[in-house]
Amino acid sequence: MIARHGEDGAFPAPRTLLGLDLGLPGRKGEYLRAVAEAALDGLLDGAALRALDPDQAIQRVQQVKGLGPFAAELVVLRGANAPDGLPRHEPRLDAEIPGQYGPGHTLAEVSQAWRPYRTWAAVHLRALREQRTSEIAGR
C-alpha cells in the first residue's frame, strides 16, 4: 500500500485512502477508512490533541471506530507527539519497570519523576527492553 499509494515512503494520505479498494481482511478496511475520515474531519489533529490532557485526548481518539486503548495511546503519544502522557496499555513497558527499578515498583509510581516528559521516558524504556530481549511488538 505504501509503495503503490504512499508519498516518499509515507503511508497514504487520508483522502487517498478513501479512494482506494483496500482489499484488507475482516473489518480492517472499514477501520482504516474510519481513521481516514476522522483525520479529514480534524479529530486526529496533532495540535488539537496536544492541547488536551493526554488522557482526555486518548478518550477522544478511542471514539474513532477501530481504535482501541493501545492504538489510541499510540496516536496521541507518538503520532500527535504529546510529551507528557503515560501509556497504560503497553505490556512491554510494564514488564520493564521491575527490571529497571526493582521488584514491586509500578509504572504509575516511577513515572512521576519523568514529568514533563513521561512519553519519551516510556519510549526509551520500551526500546531498551526491545534491544535487550529482541522482543518485538505483536510477537
Protein backbone atom coordinates (compact mmCIF):
# COMPACT_ATOMS: atom_id res chain seq x y z
CA MET A 1 0.00 0.00 0.00
CA ILE A 2 2.84 2.37 0.85
CA ALA A 3 4.79 1.51 -2.30
CA ARG A 4 1.74 1.95 -4.54
CA HIS A 5 -0.11 4.82 -2.93
CA GLY A 6 2.19 6.49 -0.41
CA GLU A 7 4.33 9.53 -0.94
CA ASP A 8 8.09 9.32 -0.39
CA GLY A 9 7.77 6.16 1.70
CA ALA A 10 4.99 7.52 3.91
CA PHE A 11 1.62 5.87 4.49
CA PRO A 12 -1.04 7.10 2.04
CA ALA A 13 -2.81 10.32 2.95
CA PRO A 14 -6.38 10.06 4.32
CA ARG A 15 -8.01 11.39 1.13
CA THR A 16 -6.02 8.85 -0.91
CA LEU A 17 -7.08 6.00 1.39
CA LEU A 18 -10.76 6.83 0.98
CA GLY A 19 -10.44 6.40 -2.78
CA LEU A 20 -8.75 3.00 -2.67
CA ASP A 21 -10.12 -0.51 -2.81
CA LEU A 22 -8.12 -1.61 0.21
CA GLY A 23 -8.84 -5.34 -0.06
CA LEU A 24 -7.93 -5.88 3.59
CA PRO A 25 -9.22 -8.87 5.55
CA GLY A 26 -12.08 -8.64 8.03
CA ARG A 27 -13.01 -5.19 9.25
CA LYS A 28 -9.55 -3.70 8.76
CA GLY A 29 -10.59 -1.75 5.66
CA GLU A 30 -13.63 -0.36 7.46
CA TYR A 31 -11.47 0.72 10.40
CA LEU A 32 -8.81 2.27 8.20
CA ARG A 33 -11.47 4.27 6.37
CA ALA A 34 -12.89 5.43 9.72
CA VAL A 35 -9.43 6.64 10.75
CA ALA A 36 -9.01 8.43 7.41
CA GLU A 37 -12.39 10.14 7.82
CA ALA A 38 -11.55 11.14 11.39
CA ALA A 39 -8.27 12.66 10.19
CA LEU A 40 -10.05 14.63 7.46
CA ASP A 41 -12.63 15.82 9.99
CA GLY A 42 -9.83 17.16 12.22
CA LEU A 43 -10.37 14.66 15.04
CA LEU A 44 -6.76 13.49 14.82
CA ASP A 45 -5.15 16.91 14.51
CA GLY A 46 -1.89 16.84 16.46
CA ALA A 47 -2.10 20.38 17.83
CA ALA A 48 -5.70 19.89 18.96
CA LEU A 49 -4.84 16.60 20.67
CA ARG A 50 -1.78 18.10 22.39
CA ALA A 51 -3.95 20.95 23.69
CA LEU A 52 -5.96 18.43 25.71
CA ASP A 53 -4.92 16.49 28.77
CA PRO A 54 -3.34 13.32 27.30
CA ASP A 55 -5.94 11.07 28.96
CA GLN A 56 -8.77 13.18 27.50
CA ALA A 57 -7.13 13.10 24.08
CA ILE A 58 -6.83 9.30 24.27
CA GLN A 59 -10.53 9.02 25.16
CA ARG A 60 -11.42 11.25 22.21
CA VAL A 61 -9.35 9.18 19.79
CA GLN A 62 -10.97 5.97 21.07
CA GLN A 63 -14.26 7.26 19.68
CA VAL A 64 -12.93 6.52 16.19
CA LYS A 65 -14.17 3.14 15.03
CA GLY A 66 -11.39 0.57 15.22
CA LEU A 67 -9.10 2.46 17.58
CA GLY A 68 -8.92 0.76 20.95
CA PRO A 69 -6.92 1.80 24.01
CA PHE A 70 -3.50 0.72 22.72
CA ALA A 71 -3.92 2.31 19.27
CA ALA A 72 -5.41 5.49 20.74
CA GLU A 73 -2.39 5.85 23.01
CA LEU A 74 -0.07 5.48 20.01
CA VAL A 75 -1.99 8.13 18.07
CA VAL A 76 -1.84 10.65 20.92
CA LEU A 77 1.54 9.94 22.46
CA ARG A 78 3.57 9.14 19.38
CA GLY A 79 1.52 10.41 16.43
CA ALA A 80 0.43 13.72 17.96
CA ASN A 81 3.71 13.99 19.89
CA ALA A 82 2.16 14.59 23.32
CA PRO A 83 5.28 14.79 25.53
CA ASP A 84 3.81 14.01 28.95
CA GLY A 85 1.35 11.17 28.52
CA LEU A 86 1.66 7.78 30.09
CA PRO A 87 0.99 4.65 28.05
CA ARG A 88 -1.20 2.36 30.13
CA HIS A 89 -1.66 -0.41 27.57
CA GLU A 90 1.96 -1.23 26.81
CA PRO A 91 2.78 -4.60 28.39
CA ARG A 92 6.46 -4.42 27.39
CA LEU A 93 6.83 -1.22 29.37
CA ASP A 94 5.06 -2.70 32.39
CA ALA A 95 7.39 -5.70 32.21
CA GLU A 96 10.47 -3.44 32.06
CA ILE A 97 9.72 -1.41 35.20
CA PRO A 98 10.70 -4.09 37.77
CA GLY A 99 13.90 -4.80 35.86
CA GLN A 100 14.95 -1.15 35.86
CA TYR A 101 13.57 -0.05 39.24
CA GLY A 102 13.33 -3.26 41.25
CA PRO A 103 10.52 -5.65 42.18
CA GLY A 104 7.31 -4.12 43.45
CA HIS A 105 7.68 -0.83 41.59
CA THR A 106 4.92 0.23 39.21
CA LEU A 107 4.80 2.42 36.14
CA ALA A 108 2.45 4.88 37.85
CA GLU A 109 4.86 5.24 40.76
CA VAL A 110 8.17 5.64 38.93
CA SER A 111 6.80 7.77 36.10
CA GLN A 112 6.15 10.73 38.38
CA ALA A 113 9.88 11.50 38.26
CA TRP A 114 9.75 11.59 34.45
CA ARG A 115 7.42 14.61 34.26
CA PRO A 116 7.06 16.56 31.99
CA TYR A 117 8.42 14.00 29.51
CA ARG A 118 6.76 10.75 30.55
CA THR A 119 6.00 9.81 26.94
CA TRP A 120 9.64 9.89 25.91
CA ALA A 121 10.94 8.18 29.04
CA ALA A 122 8.43 5.39 28.39
CA VAL A 123 9.51 5.11 24.74
CA HIS A 124 13.13 4.91 25.85
CA LEU A 125 12.49 2.15 28.40
CA ARG A 126 10.44 0.15 25.91
CA ALA A 127 13.21 0.50 23.32
CA LEU A 128 15.77 -0.67 25.88
CA ARG A 129 13.65 -3.73 26.52
CA GLU A 130 13.36 -4.49 22.81
CA GLN A 131 17.10 -4.14 22.40
CA ARG A 132 17.87 -6.35 25.41
CA THR A 133 15.28 -9.06 24.76
CA SER A 134 14.77 -8.82 20.98
CA GLU A 135 11.06 -8.63 21.85
CA ILE A 136 9.12 -7.01 19.01
CA ALA A 137 5.61 -5.55 19.17
CA GLY A 138 2.89 -8.01 18.25
CA ARG A 139 5.08 -11.10 18.60
